[in-house]
Protein backbone atom coordinates (compact mmCIF):
# COMPACT_ATOMS: atom_id res chain seq x y z
CA MET A 1 -0.08 0.03 -0.23
CA ALA A 2 2.90 2.21 0.04
CA GLY A 3 2.91 5.30 -1.92
CA ARG A 4 -0.99 4.75 -2.58
CA GLU A 5 -3.53 7.10 -1.70
CA PHE A 6 -7.01 6.67 -0.44
CA GLU A 7 -9.97 8.74 0.53
CA LEU A 8 -9.89 9.53 4.72
CA VAL A 9 -13.49 8.47 5.78
CA ASP A 10 -13.02 8.67 9.45
CA TYR A 11 -10.04 8.64 12.24
CA ALA A 12 -10.62 7.23 15.54
CA HIS A 13 -9.62 5.54 18.84
CA THR A 14 -10.61 1.92 18.90
CA TRP A 15 -9.23 -0.81 20.25
CA GLY A 16 -6.30 0.87 22.32
CA GLU A 17 -5.15 2.83 19.05
CA HIS A 18 -5.81 5.39 16.67
CA LYS A 19 -7.32 4.41 13.41
CA VAL A 20 -7.84 5.41 9.97
CA PHE A 21 -11.01 4.27 8.14
CA PHE A 22 -11.03 4.06 4.53
CA LYS A 23 -12.39 3.33 1.08
CA GLU A 24 -10.82 2.01 -1.90
CA PRO A 25 -11.50 3.46 -4.99
CA GLY A 26 -14.57 1.97 -6.71
CA GLU A 27 -15.23 -0.49 -3.46
CA GLU A 28 -18.09 0.14 -1.03
CA ARG A 29 -16.24 -1.74 1.59
CA LEU A 30 -15.37 0.32 4.65
CA ARG A 31 -11.41 -0.67 5.72
CA SER A 32 -9.20 0.70 8.70
CA MET A 33 -5.48 0.16 9.86
CA PRO A 34 -3.60 1.98 12.39
CA ALA A 35 -2.98 5.57 11.95
CA SER A 36 0.68 4.90 12.60
CA TRP A 37 1.07 3.00 9.68
CA THR A 38 -0.04 6.13 7.48
CA ASP A 39 1.17 9.64 7.40
CA VAL A 40 -2.22 11.12 8.84
CA GLU A 41 -0.63 11.95 12.03
CA GLY A 42 2.47 13.15 10.73
CA PRO A 43 5.84 12.31 11.48
CA ASP A 44 6.76 10.79 15.02
CA PRO A 45 8.08 13.26 17.35
CA PHE A 46 9.86 10.57 18.72
CA LEU A 47 11.87 9.40 15.51
CA THR A 48 12.15 12.96 14.24
CA VAL A 49 14.18 14.15 17.63
CA ALA A 50 16.03 10.75 17.69
CA ALA A 51 17.28 11.34 14.37
CA GLY A 52 18.06 7.61 14.50
CA ARG A 53 20.42 7.97 17.35
CA ALA A 54 17.83 5.96 19.82
CA LEU A 55 16.49 2.51 18.47
CA PHE A 56 13.80 2.24 21.48
CA ARG A 57 11.57 4.36 23.56
CA VAL A 58 11.83 4.32 27.24
CA GLU A 59 7.98 3.46 27.69
CA ASP A 60 8.39 0.60 25.16
CA LEU A 61 11.49 -0.60 27.26
CA VAL A 62 9.78 -0.19 30.39
CA SER A 63 6.81 -2.43 29.21
CA LEU A 64 8.74 -4.89 27.86
CA ALA A 65 10.65 -5.10 31.23
CA ALA A 66 7.25 -5.40 32.92
CA GLY A 67 6.32 -8.12 30.80
CA LEU A 68 9.84 -10.05 30.99
CA ARG A 69 9.23 -9.77 34.73
CA GLU A 70 5.77 -11.36 34.47
CA LEU A 71 6.84 -14.08 32.28
CA LYS A 72 9.73 -14.73 34.42
CA ALA A 73 7.10 -14.92 37.61
CA LYS A 74 5.13 -17.36 35.57
CA ARG A 75 7.74 -19.58 34.81
CA ARG A 76 8.79 -19.56 38.01
CA LYS A 77 5.70 -20.81 39.24
CA ALA A 78 5.30 -23.33 36.96
CA ASN A 79 9.17 -24.92 38.03
CA SER A 80 8.17 -25.00 41.72
CA ALA A 81 4.65 -26.92 40.98
CA ALA A 82 6.86 -29.06 39.08
CA SER A 83 9.22 -29.77 41.29
CA VAL A 84 6.80 -30.94 44.39
CA ARG A 85 6.90 -34.39 44.62
CA ARG A 86 3.99 -36.43 45.97
CA ILE A 87 4.96 -38.56 49.21
CA THR A 88 3.37 -41.70 49.49
CA PRO A 89 3.11 -43.82 52.49
């Protein structure tokens, strides 16, 4: 879809992200995609300021760390449950 232009029908916040709604020429079906995949929001301020010097946003790294902690805790819980042996008389 790169380089193609579509008529913007709507721009809304749905399912936790901003989306654009559009129709392809000659079709009646309404389609959508994340607004971040388009130029409707303009250039990303972080990417503009970082100018290639920062690969990750701080909030994305914090979110990743939280997810890894959660995964580690689940794995630890599963391993501790698997290591308990049944004692038979």
